């Protein structure tokens, strides 16, 4: 059996995108790991599955699998690639889409300049909603890692994020601190870890160690989380330009109880078939 796939990326954060609307695909964690393997499969940070909706008034269902096979609720770069994919494949002609995800309904759009915007919903700060173990909500939390105390912001955008301020992202201990925070016991579902350096009130530099994938070239939901954390702490003002190793994204957030949006490019690399 063969399945068709498309290799895409958003600022270097790369995806295998599979149309499960016009072909039958029974995705499992084992199959996702096989396809994501860069040595024996296609290779990607995440696998995106496009399915028919299971709810009324929704255009598609969107499922996301990390390279380790775990299914997650949110991916901002993937959402923009999803939008380009369904347009390029002729699955829709709409400029504005409602997409069903594990984390809720996403609003996706494309403008006449081929800018892709994903509205990821309302950030959640209550510890139980992240989830994160804390007695009460705070702007930042002291967390112990390897006998060091770090100050991190914690929030959810459908997936959990920790944001750590650093002076210089090039010197930040990503490989050391990233995996320790990702699997810290106070984050029972693990966490995406952002290392943020302020440039101005409208610009930051960011590197992200993603849950289940390691450091990636860009992370859309991580960019949103960092911008939201900075705005909530009165360090930043919307809109925020987020510079990642793979390029830049624009994040818009108007404050508490408002949705956050990410705008940026989406690129198709190639199409192919693989035998299962």
Foldseek 3Di string as FASTA:
>chain_A
DKFKWFWKWFLQQIEIEGECDVPPDDDALVVLLQQQDVPRHVHGQKYKYWAQDPDPPFGTEIWIAGNNSDTAFDFFGVLQQVVVVCVVVVVDDDQWGWYQTPLGIKIWGADPVRKIKIFLAAKAQFCVVLPFDDPGGDLWDFDDDPNDTFTWGWIHSSHIETEGEDADPVPDPQVRVVVRQQPPVRRVVGYKYKYWHDDAQAEIEIWIQGRRRGTGQDTQVRQQVNNQSCVVVVNHDPFHWYQGNSGIWTWGDDDHNTIIMIIGHMGTDGMDMDDD
